[in-house]
Amino acid sequence: MHEPLDPDRKPFRFITPSDAYQPCAVDENRFTWPSAAVVVPQADHRDRVLIFFQSLCASGQGMTSDIFHAMGVAEYWYDPAHVPGPDEPIQATILEEQLFEKPTDADSSYGQAAVLHDGYIYVYRCLANGTCSVGRIEPAGVTHPDHYRFWDGSTWAAGADHASSMDLPNHTFAIKPSVAYFPNSRLFVMADMADLHTGIIGLRVARSPQGPWSAPTYTLPPGCEHVYPHQCFGVEVHENMSDAGHIAITYYNPAIGLGESPVREVRVPVRIIPAGLASKR
């Protein structure tokens, strides 16, 4: 691979933190952690890529809840008529670094997962106990937290305090969900780790972005048999790499040695049975 370097001979950062927001102590390293992205097609055939990311502060203490801070949003413009060359850095622009503050009851806020559907961006937030909620926004208002509306169980209401838990049967754990829309089957697909201690992934589907969601189907990707703290994680579901009979999932496998990519893909075979037919079996 060839990667352009900055004047200090270091790789360009995709998202560079600003000086306007300083969540870290002087002895901590500042990072940005992308959580989700959506592609908003434009009339001029360009794509506006919106990236939800979290600010992290680390000083070697490991992945503790203290290192997570505000959720922000950045954008990257992709022009298929002018694809970046080998020496052109790919860099996003921060639009809002403190879109959602870190909540007191979780490590992360809305934007853990995101999906674009019918003119709205849907942003998801899950707690470690598996409780998840969802908000939505039109792309033009993505930087304004007070413009988001949250599913309260019957309608989309202003204020995250009105958000209710989505219907997620047997969902007792979450790290960071991934949600995608599959237009061929008209289904939303959610993927995440099934528990903390193994590499098992749970998959579920829904007809609407707020659910109700199906009971989970579980899969253990090859090479993910090891357990905590060496289990696979970082699950993402990809509609563009899937087909009618398979759901494409990528994940991070920390057991992969140097010289190989630890990001792996698995294609999970699926057969969707309508609820009415399933109940008759």
C-alpha atoms as a PDB file:
ATOM      1  CA  MET A   1       0.000   0.000   0.000  1.00  0.00           C
ATOM      2  CA  HIS A   2       1.075   3.564  -0.661  1.00  0.00           C
ATOM      3  CA  GLU A   3       0.069   6.313   1.761  1.00  0.00           C
ATOM      4  CA  PRO A   4       0.874  10.026   1.392  1.00  0.00           C
ATOM      5  CA  LEU A   5       2.851  11.600   4.222  1.00  0.00           C
ATOM      6  CA  ASP A   6       2.652  15.046   5.765  1.00  0.00           C
ATOM      7  CA  PRO A   7       5.655  17.441   6.014  1.00  0.00           C
ATOM      8  CA  ASP A   8       6.778  15.573   9.175  1.00  0.00           C
ATOM      9  CA  ARG A   9       6.817  12.283   7.236  1.00  0.00           C
ATOM     10  CA  LYS A  10       3.823  10.969   9.136  1.00  0.00           C
ATOM     11  CA  PRO A  11       0.564   9.620   7.651  1.00  0.00           C
ATOM     12  CA  PHE A  12      -2.205  12.197   7.355  1.00  0.00           C
ATOM     13  CA  ARG A  13      -4.976  11.838   9.914  1.00  0.00           C
ATOM     14  CA  PHE A  14      -8.426  11.226   8.487  1.00  0.00           C
ATOM     15  CA  ILE A  15     -10.016  13.240  11.321  1.00  0.00           C
ATOM     16  CA  THR A  16      -7.790  15.758  13.113  1.00  0.00           C
ATOM     17  CA  PRO A  17      -9.029  17.021  16.507  1.00  0.00           C
ATOM     18  CA  SER A  18      -9.366  20.769  16.844  1.00  0.00           C
ATOM     19  CA  ASP A  19      -7.951  23.054  19.505  1.00  0.00           C
ATOM     20  CA  ALA A  20     -11.436  24.380  20.249  1.00  0.00           C
ATOM     21  CA  TYR A  21     -12.343  21.244  22.211  1.00  0.00           C
ATOM     22  CA  GLN A  22      -9.827  20.040  24.800  1.00  0.00           C
ATOM     23  CA  PRO A  23     -11.219  17.070  26.755  1.00  0.00           C
ATOM     24  CA  CYS A  24      -7.826  15.520  27.582  1.00  0.00           C
ATOM     25  CA  ALA A  25      -5.359  16.114  30.397  1.00  0.00           C
ATOM     26  CA  VAL A  26      -1.829  17.236  29.549  1.00  0.00           C
ATOM     27  CA  ASP A  27      -0.425  13.701  30.003  1.00  0.00           C
ATOM     28  CA  GLU A  28      -3.067  12.026  27.806  1.00  0.00           C
ATOM     29  CA  ASN A  29      -3.047  11.252  24.091  1.00  0.00           C
ATOM     30  CA  ARG A  30      -5.973  12.582  22.047  1.00  0.00           C
ATOM     31  CA  PHE A  31      -7.687  10.281  19.546  1.00  0.00           C
ATOM     32  CA  THR A  32     -10.778  10.308  17.352  1.00  0.00           C
ATOM     33  CA  TRP A  33     -12.712   7.046  17.134  1.00  0.00           C
ATOM     34  CA  PRO A  34     -15.099   6.757  14.144  1.00  0.00           C
ATOM     35  CA  SER A  35     -18.280   4.902  15.100  1.00  0.00           C
ATOM     36  CA  ALA A  36     -20.516   5.063  12.027  1.00  0.00           C
ATOM     37  CA  ALA A  37     -20.826   6.671   8.607  1.00  0.00           C
ATOM     38  CA  VAL A  38     -23.592   7.329   6.095  1.00  0.00           C
ATOM     39  CA  VAL A  39     -23.342   8.266   2.423  1.00  0.00           C
ATOM     40  CA  VAL A  40     -25.702  11.026   1.261  1.00  0.00           C
ATOM     41  CA  PRO A  41     -25.832  11.110  -2.588  1.00  0.00           C
ATOM     42  CA  GLN A  42     -25.896  14.572  -4.133  1.00  0.00           C
ATOM     43  CA  ALA A  43     -27.572  15.894  -7.301  1.00  0.00           C
ATOM     44  CA  ASP A  44     -24.146  16.594  -8.840  1.00  0.00           C
ATOM     45  CA  HIS A  45     -23.236  12.871  -8.444  1.00  0.00           C
ATOM     46  CA  ARG A  46     -20.870  13.517  -5.553  1.00  0.00           C
ATOM     47  CA  ASP A  47     -21.298  11.758  -2.209  1.00  0.00           C
ATOM     48  CA  ARG A  48     -21.406  13.573   1.106  1.00  0.00           C
ATOM     49  CA  VAL A  49     -20.026  11.105   3.641  1.00  0.00           C
ATOM     50  CA  LEU A  50     -21.000  11.930   7.222  1.00  0.00           C
ATOM     51  CA  ILE A  51     -18.905  10.289   9.933  1.00  0.00           C
ATOM     52  CA  PHE A  52     -19.947  10.086  13.579  1.00  0.00           C
ATOM     53  CA  PHE A  53     -16.852   9.899  15.782  1.00  0.00           C
ATOM     54  CA  GLN A  54     -15.983  10.030  19.445  1.00  0.00           C
ATOM     55  CA  SER A  55     -13.166  11.887  21.169  1.00  0.00           C
ATOM     56  CA  LEU A  56     -10.925   9.663  23.286  1.00  0.00           C
ATOM     57  CA  CYS A  57      -8.236  10.456  25.823  1.00  0.00           C
ATOM     58  CA  ALA A  58      -5.773   7.691  26.710  1.00  0.00           C
ATOM     59  CA  SER A  59      -2.679   7.482  28.879  1.00  0.00           C
ATOM     60  CA  GLY A  60      -1.991   3.752  28.828  1.00  0.00           C
ATOM     61  CA  GLN A  61      -4.682   2.659  31.283  1.00  0.00           C
ATOM     62  CA  GLY A  62      -6.506   0.577  28.664  1.00  0.00           C
ATOM     63  CA  MET A  63     -10.123   0.627  27.486  1.00  0.00           C
ATOM     64  CA  THR A  64     -11.838   2.109  30.521  1.00  0.00           C
ATOM     65  CA  SER A  65     -15.001   4.200  30.501  1.00  0.00           C
ATOM     66  CA  ASP A  66     -13.014   7.254  31.524  1.00  0.00           C
ATOM     67  CA  ILE A  67     -11.310   7.616  28.131  1.00  0.00           C
ATOM     68  CA  PHE A  68     -14.538   8.290  26.180  1.00  0.00           C
ATOM     69  CA  HIS A  69     -15.861  11.817  25.660  1.00  0.00           C
ATOM     70  CA  ALA A  70     -18.217  13.697  23.308  1.00  0.00           C
ATOM     71  CA  MET A  71     -19.599  12.328  20.025  1.00  0.00           C
ATOM     72  CA  GLY A  72     -18.928  14.545  17.018  1.00  0.00           C
ATOM     73  CA  VAL A  73     -19.663  14.535  13.307  1.00  0.00           C
ATOM     74  CA  ALA A  74     -17.343  15.124  10.352  1.00  0.00           C
ATOM     75  CA  GLU A  75     -17.835  15.093   6.591  1.00  0.00           C
ATOM     76  CA  TYR A  76     -15.879  13.918   3.580  1.00  0.00           C
ATOM     77  CA  TRP A  77     -16.815  14.744  -0.013  1.00  0.00           C
ATOM     78  CA  TYR A  78     -16.214  11.987  -2.532  1.00  0.00           C
ATOM     79  CA  ASP A  79     -16.266  12.847  -6.228  1.00  0.00           C
ATOM     80  CA  PRO A  80     -16.240   9.752  -8.506  1.00  0.00           C
ATOM     81  CA  ALA A  81     -15.104  11.977 -11.363  1.00  0.00           C
ATOM     82  CA  HIS A  82     -11.981  12.967  -9.406  1.00  0.00           C
ATOM     83  CA  VAL A  83     -10.868   9.978  -7.361  1.00  0.00           C
ATOM     84  CA  PRO A  84      -7.967  10.841  -5.019  1.00  0.00           C
ATOM     85  CA  GLY A  85      -4.598   9.857  -6.431  1.00  0.00           C
ATOM     86  CA  PRO A  86      -1.883   7.904  -4.566  1.00  0.00           C
ATOM     87  CA  ASP A  87      -0.317  11.076  -3.185  1.00  0.00           C
ATOM     88  CA  GLU A  88      -3.545  12.860  -2.266  1.00  0.00           C
ATOM     89  CA  PRO A  89      -4.502  12.511   1.410  1.00  0.00           C
ATOM     90  CA  ILE A  90      -8.055  11.518   2.265  1.00  0.00           C
ATOM     91  CA  GLN A  91      -9.166  13.824   5.051  1.00  0.00           C
ATOM     92  CA  ALA A  92     -12.506  14.661   6.626  1.00  0.00           C
ATOM     93  CA  THR A  93     -13.582  18.026   8.006  1.00  0.00           C
ATOM     94  CA  ILE A  94     -15.008  18.263  11.502  1.00  0.00           C
ATOM     95  CA  LEU A  95     -18.464  19.856  11.450  1.00  0.00           C
ATOM     96  CA  GLU A  96     -19.274  19.614  15.153  1.00  0.00           C
ATOM     97  CA  GLU A  97     -16.936  18.135  17.753  1.00  0.00           C
ATOM     98  CA  GLN A  98     -19.427  18.112  20.629  1.00  0.00           C
ATOM     99  CA  LEU A  99     -22.623  16.987  18.936  1.00  0.00           C
ATOM    100  CA  PHE A 100     -23.686  14.721  21.816  1.00  0.00           C
ATOM    101  CA  GLU A 101     -22.034  14.823  25.211  1.00  0.00           C
ATOM    102  CA  LYS A 102     -21.030  11.552  26.823  1.00  0.00           C
ATOM    103  CA  PRO A 103     -24.035  10.376  28.892  1.00  0.00           C
ATOM    104  CA  THR A 104     -23.649   9.508  32.547  1.00  0.00           C
ATOM    105  CA  ASP A 105     -25.027   5.975  32.072  1.00  0.00           C
ATOM    106  CA  ALA A 106     -22.878   4.827  29.120  1.00  0.00           C
ATOM    107  CA  ASP A 107     -19.543   5.196  27.343  1.00  0.00           C
ATOM    108  CA  SER A 108     -21.087   6.581  24.171  1.00  0.00           C
ATOM    109  CA  SER A 109     -24.060   8.545  22.889  1.00  0.00           C
ATOM    110  CA  TYR A 110     -26.128   8.531  19.688  1.00  0.00           C
ATOM    111  CA  GLY A 111     -24.034   7.770  16.642  1.00  0.00           C
ATOM    112  CA  GLN A 112     -22.712   4.351  17.673  1.00  0.00           C
ATOM    113  CA  ALA A 113     -24.532   3.171  14.546  1.00  0.00           C
ATOM    114  CA  ALA A 114     -26.153   5.181  11.767  1.00  0.00           C
ATOM    115  CA  VAL A 115     -28.154   4.452   8.628  1.00  0.00           C
ATOM    116  CA  LEU A 116     -29.696   6.662   5.915  1.00  0.00           C
ATOM    117  CA  HIS A 117     -33.244   5.822   4.838  1.00  0.00           C
ATOM    118  CA  ASP A 118     -36.007   7.806   3.114  1.00  0.00           C
ATOM    119  CA  GLY A 119     -34.340  11.166   3.688  1.00  0.00           C
ATOM    120  CA  TYR A 120     -33.449  10.681   7.356  1.00  0.00           C
ATOM    121  CA  ILE A 121     -30.287   9.656   9.158  1.00  0.00           C
ATOM    122  CA  TYR A 122     -31.101   7.294  12.013  1.00  0.00           C
ATOM    123  CA  VAL A 123     -28.595   7.285  14.893  1.00  0.00           C
ATOM    124  CA  TYR A 124     -28.488   4.538  17.514  1.00  0.00           C
ATOM    125  CA  ARG A 125     -27.328   4.339  21.093  1.00  0.00           C
ATOM    126  CA  CYS A 126     -27.015   1.140  23.155  1.00  0.00           C
ATOM    127  CA  LEU A 127     -26.151   0.553  26.797  1.00  0.00           C
ATOM    128  CA  ALA A 128     -24.018  -2.347  28.011  1.00  0.00           C
ATOM    129  CA  ASN A 129     -27.169  -4.086  29.285  1.00  0.00           C
ATOM    130  CA  GLY A 130     -28.563  -4.271  25.739  1.00  0.00           C
ATOM    131  CA  THR A 131     -31.040  -1.396  26.013  1.00  0.00           C
ATOM    132  CA  CYS A 132     -31.024   0.583  22.748  1.00  0.00           C
ATOM    133  CA  SER A 133     -32.771   3.718  21.478  1.00  0.00           C
ATOM    134  CA  VAL A 134     -32.791   5.663  18.221  1.00  0.00           C
ATOM    135  CA  GLY A 135     -33.031   9.241  16.981  1.00  0.00           C
ATOM    136  CA  ARG A 136     -33.284  10.716  13.509  1.00  0.00           C
ATOM    137  CA  ILE A 137     -32.361  13.868  11.612  1.00  0.00           C
ATOM    138  CA  GLU A 138     -32.462  15.177   8.054  1.00  0.00           C
ATOM    139  CA  PRO A 139     -28.902  15.454   6.675  1.00  0.00           C
ATOM    140  CA  ALA A 140     -29.099  19.260   6.488  1.00  0.00           C
ATOM    141  CA  GLY A 141     -29.530  19.472  10.268  1.00  0.00           C
ATOM    142  CA  VAL A 142     -26.972  16.871  11.278  1.00  0.00           C
ATOM    143  CA  THR A 143     -24.825  19.332  13.279  1.00  0.00           C
ATOM    144  CA  HIS A 144     -27.703  20.614  15.436  1.00  0.00           C
ATOM    145  CA  PRO A 145     -28.431  18.324  18.407  1.00  0.00           C
ATOM    146  CA  ASP A 146     -31.673  20.170  19.210  1.00  0.00           C
ATOM    147  CA  HIS A 147     -33.035  19.314  15.742  1.00  0.00           C
ATOM    148  CA  TYR A 148     -32.882  15.543  16.327  1.00  0.00           C
ATOM    149  CA  ARG A 149     -36.075  13.687  17.121  1.00  0.00           C
ATOM    150  CA  PHE A 150     -36.168  10.485  19.162  1.00  0.00           C
ATOM    151  CA  TRP A 151     -38.497   7.505  19.035  1.00  0.00           C
ATOM    152  CA  ASP A 152     -40.644   7.538  22.201  1.00  0.00           C
ATOM    153  CA  GLY A 153     -42.527   4.339  21.415  1.00  0.00           C
ATOM    154  CA  SER A 154     -45.212   5.914  19.254  1.00  0.00           C
ATOM    155  CA  THR A 155     -43.779   8.999  17.533  1.00  0.00           C
ATOM    156  CA  TRP A 156     -40.585  11.025  16.978  1.00  0.00           C
ATOM    157  CA  ALA A 157     -40.261  13.517  19.824  1.00  0.00           C
ATOM    158  CA  ALA A 158     -37.842  16.364  20.582  1.00  0.00           C
ATOM    159  CA  GLY A 159     -35.297  15.736  23.331  1.00  0.00           C
ATOM    160  CA  ALA A 160     -33.250  12.600  23.969  1.00  0.00           C
ATOM    161  CA  ASP A 161     -34.900  12.290  27.391  1.00  0.00           C
ATOM    162  CA  HIS A 162     -38.080  11.259  25.548  1.00  0.00           C
ATOM    163  CA  ALA A 163     -36.377   8.311  23.823  1.00  0.00           C
ATOM    164  CA  SER A 164     -37.754   4.911  24.753  1.00  0.00           C
ATOM    165  CA  SER A 165     -36.093   1.519  24.497  1.00  0.00           C
ATOM    166  CA  MET A 166     -36.582  -0.276  21.216  1.00  0.00           C
ATOM    167  CA  ASP A 167     -38.182  -3.727  21.206  1.00  0.00           C
ATOM    168  CA  LEU A 168     -35.134  -6.047  21.044  1.00  0.00           C
ATOM    169  CA  PRO A 169     -35.980  -9.586  22.236  1.00  0.00           C
ATOM    170  CA  ASN A 170     -33.223 -11.336  24.204  1.00  0.00           C
ATOM    171  CA  HIS A 171     -30.900  -8.342  23.869  1.00  0.00           C
ATOM    172  CA  THR A 172     -29.030  -8.311  27.177  1.00  0.00           C
ATOM    173  CA  PHE A 173     -25.651  -6.959  26.018  1.00  0.00           C
ATOM    174  CA  ALA A 174     -24.214  -4.433  23.548  1.00  0.00           C
ATOM    175  CA  ILE A 175     -20.771  -3.058  22.695  1.00  0.00           C
ATOM    176  CA  LYS A 176     -21.360  -1.026  19.536  1.00  0.00           C
ATOM    177  CA  PRO A 177     -24.173  -1.958  17.157  1.00  0.00           C
ATOM    178  CA  SER A 178     -23.999  -1.701  13.386  1.00  0.00           C
ATOM    179  CA  VAL A 179     -27.166  -1.105  11.351  1.00  0.00           C
ATOM    180  CA  ALA A 180     -27.696  -1.227   7.578  1.00  0.00           C
ATOM    181  CA  TYR A 181     -30.731  -1.151   5.306  1.00  0.00           C
ATOM    182  CA  PHE A 182     -31.173  -3.904   2.698  1.00  0.00           C
ATOM    183  CA  PRO A 183     -33.477  -2.497  -0.023  1.00  0.00           C
ATOM    184  CA  ASN A 184     -33.956  -5.822  -1.843  1.00  0.00           C
ATOM    185  CA  SER A 185     -35.589  -7.378   1.198  1.00  0.00           C
ATOM    186  CA  ARG A 186     -36.825  -4.053   2.660  1.00  0.00           C
ATOM    187  CA  LEU A 187     -35.214  -4.941   5.972  1.00  0.00           C
ATOM    188  CA  PHE A 188     -32.954  -3.233   8.463  1.00  0.00           C
ATOM    189  CA  VAL A 189     -30.202  -5.493   9.793  1.00  0.00           C
ATOM    190  CA  MET A 190     -28.489  -4.991  13.166  1.00  0.00           C
ATOM    191  CA  ALA A 191     -25.278  -6.744  14.216  1.00  0.00           C
ATOM    192  CA  ASP A 192     -23.268  -6.646  17.441  1.00  0.00           C
ATOM    193  CA  MET A 193     -21.359  -8.900  19.791  1.00  0.00           C
ATOM    194  CA  ALA A 194     -23.671 -11.249  21.673  1.00  0.00           C
ATOM    195  CA  ASP A 195     -21.716 -10.997  24.933  1.00  0.00           C
ATOM    196  CA  LEU A 196     -18.454  -9.655  26.303  1.00  0.00           C
ATOM    197  CA  HIS A 197     -16.565 -12.909  26.758  1.00  0.00           C
ATOM    198  CA  THR A 198     -16.810 -14.647  23.359  1.00  0.00           C
ATOM    199  CA  GLY A 199     -16.593 -13.783  19.681  1.00  0.00           C
ATOM    200  CA  ILE A 200     -20.221 -14.711  18.978  1.00  0.00           C
ATOM    201  CA  ILE A 201     -22.122 -12.199  16.825  1.00  0.00           C
ATOM    202  CA  GLY A 202     -25.872 -11.637  17.026  1.00  0.00           C
ATOM    203  CA  LEU A 203     -27.924 -10.650  13.969  1.00  0.00           C
ATOM    204  CA  ARG A 204     -31.505  -9.373  13.929  1.00  0.00           C
ATOM    205  CA  VAL A 205     -33.820  -7.697  11.424  1.00  0.00           C
ATOM    206  CA  ALA A 206     -36.672  -5.163  11.437  1.00  0.00           C
ATOM    207  CA  ARG A 207     -39.080  -3.580   8.954  1.00  0.00           C
ATOM    208  CA  SER A 208     -38.573  -0.089  10.373  1.00  0.00           C
ATOM    209  CA  PRO A 209     -35.473   1.612  11.825  1.00  0.00           C
ATOM    210  CA  GLN A 210     -37.047   1.781  15.278  1.00  0.00           C
ATOM    211  CA  GLY A 211     -38.151  -1.861  15.269  1.00  0.00           C
ATOM    212  CA  PRO A 212     -39.657  -4.009  16.595  1.00  0.00           C
ATOM    213  CA  TRP A 213     -36.593  -6.155  15.992  1.00  0.00           C
ATOM    214  CA  SER A 214     -36.534  -9.898  15.559  1.00  0.00           C
ATOM    215  CA  ALA A 215     -35.051 -12.357  17.988  1.00  0.00           C
ATOM    216  CA  PRO A 216     -31.332 -12.805  17.291  1.00  0.00           C
ATOM    217  CA  THR A 217     -29.579 -15.344  15.121  1.00  0.00           C
ATOM    218  CA  TYR A 218     -26.061 -16.140  16.296  1.00  0.00           C
ATOM    219  CA  THR A 219     -22.886 -16.859  14.363  1.00  0.00           C
ATOM    220  CA  LEU A 220     -19.289 -17.518  15.402  1.00  0.00           C
ATOM    221  CA  PRO A 221     -16.915 -16.421  12.625  1.00  0.00           C
ATOM    222  CA  PRO A 222     -13.854 -18.562  11.871  1.00  0.00           C
ATOM    223  CA  GLY A 223     -10.929 -17.658  14.097  1.00  0.00           C
ATOM    224  CA  CYS A 224     -13.119 -16.037  16.759  1.00  0.00           C
ATOM    225  CA  GLU A 225     -13.262 -19.029  19.103  1.00  0.00           C
ATOM    226  CA  HIS A 226     -10.905 -17.375  21.595  1.00  0.00           C
ATOM    227  CA  VAL A 227     -12.436 -15.669  24.625  1.00  0.00           C
ATOM    228  CA  TYR A 228     -12.063 -12.392  26.507  1.00  0.00           C
ATOM    229  CA  PRO A 229      -9.826 -10.405  26.341  1.00  0.00           C
ATOM    230  CA  HIS A 230      -8.774 -11.846  22.971  1.00  0.00           C
ATOM    231  CA  GLN A 231     -12.209 -12.268  21.393  1.00  0.00           C
ATOM    232  CA  CYS A 232     -13.229 -10.694  18.083  1.00  0.00           C
ATOM    233  CA  PHE A 233     -15.097  -7.377  18.161  1.00  0.00           C
ATOM    234  CA  GLY A 234     -15.719  -4.265  16.047  1.00  0.00           C
ATOM    235  CA  VAL A 235     -18.631  -5.783  14.110  1.00  0.00           C
ATOM    236  CA  GLU A 236     -19.948  -3.978  11.025  1.00  0.00           C
ATOM    237  CA  VAL A 237     -22.680  -5.154   8.634  1.00  0.00           C
ATOM    238  CA  HIS A 238     -22.328  -4.252   4.923  1.00  0.00           C
ATOM    239  CA  GLU A 239     -25.300  -4.179   2.566  1.00  0.00           C
ATOM    240  CA  ASN A 240     -23.134  -3.369  -0.463  1.00  0.00           C
ATOM    241  CA  MET A 241     -21.108  -6.579  -0.030  1.00  0.00           C
ATOM    242  CA  SER A 242     -24.136  -8.784   0.682  1.00  0.00           C
ATOM    243  CA  ASP A 243     -26.506 -10.631  -1.628  1.00  0.00           C
ATOM    244  CA  ALA A 244     -29.937 -12.258  -1.434  1.00  0.00           C
ATOM    245  CA  GLY A 245     -28.637 -15.286   0.453  1.00  0.00           C
ATOM    246  CA  HIS A 246     -25.794 -13.845   2.526  1.00  0.00           C
ATOM    247  CA  ILE A 247     -25.111 -10.984   4.928  1.00  0.00           C
ATOM    248  CA  ALA A 248     -21.557  -9.630   4.802  1.00  0.00           C
ATOM    249  CA  ILE A 249     -19.988  -8.808   8.159  1.00  0.00           C
ATOM    250  CA  THR A 250     -16.562  -7.454   8.989  1.00  0.00           C
ATOM    251  CA  TYR A 251     -14.970  -7.713  12.412  1.00  0.00           C
ATOM    252  CA  TYR A 252     -11.663  -7.160  14.169  1.00  0.00           C
ATOM    253  CA  ASN A 253      -9.677 -10.236  15.192  1.00  0.00           C
ATOM    254  CA  PRO A 254      -6.878  -9.336  17.662  1.00  0.00           C
ATOM    255  CA  ALA A 255      -5.364 -12.820  17.311  1.00  0.00           C
ATOM    256  CA  ILE A 256      -4.134 -12.076  13.769  1.00  0.00           C
ATOM    257  CA  GLY A 257      -0.388 -11.580  13.743  1.00  0.00           C
ATOM    258  CA  LEU A 258       1.701  -8.913  12.074  1.00  0.00           C
ATOM    259  CA  GLY A 259       1.789  -9.030   8.292  1.00  0.00           C
ATOM    260  CA  GLU A 260      -1.939  -9.741   7.922  1.00  0.00           C
ATOM    261  CA  SER A 261      -4.942  -7.506   8.314  1.00  0.00           C
ATOM    262  CA  PRO A 262      -6.822  -8.125  11.581  1.00  0.00           C
ATOM    263  CA  VAL A 263     -10.017  -6.870   9.910  1.00  0.00           C
ATOM    264  CA  ARG A 264     -11.806  -9.940   8.552  1.00  0.00           C
ATOM    265  CA  GLU A 265     -14.958 -10.545   6.511  1.00  0.00           C
ATOM    266  CA  VAL A 266     -17.449 -13.363   6.777  1.00  0.00           C
ATOM    267  CA  ARG A 267     -20.540 -13.965   4.644  1.00  0.00           C
ATOM    268  CA  VAL A 268     -23.300 -15.396   6.804  1.00  0.00           C
ATOM    269  CA  PRO A 269     -25.899 -17.471   4.889  1.00  0.00           C
ATOM    270  CA  VAL A 270     -29.434 -16.368   5.725  1.00  0.00           C
ATOM    271  CA  ARG A 271     -32.987 -17.337   4.871  1.00  0.00           C
ATOM    272  CA  ILE A 272     -35.667 -14.896   5.932  1.00  0.00           C
ATOM    273  CA  ILE A 273     -39.005 -16.511   6.813  1.00  0.00           C
ATOM    274  CA  PRO A 274     -42.034 -14.196   7.195  1.00  0.00           C
ATOM    275  CA  ALA A 275     -43.370 -14.214  10.759  1.00  0.00           C
ATOM    276  CA  GLY A 276     -46.714 -15.660   9.695  1.00  0.00           C
ATOM    277  CA  LEU A 277     -45.096 -18.653   8.009  1.00  0.00           C
ATOM    278  CA  ALA A 278     -42.618 -19.190  10.838  1.00  0.00           C
ATOM    279  CA  SER A 279     -45.437 -19.418  13.390  1.00  0.00           C
ATOM    280  CA  LYS A 280     -47.101 -22.219  11.401  1.00  0.00           C
ATOM    281  CA  ARG A 281     -44.006 -24.439  11.475  1.00  0.00           C
END
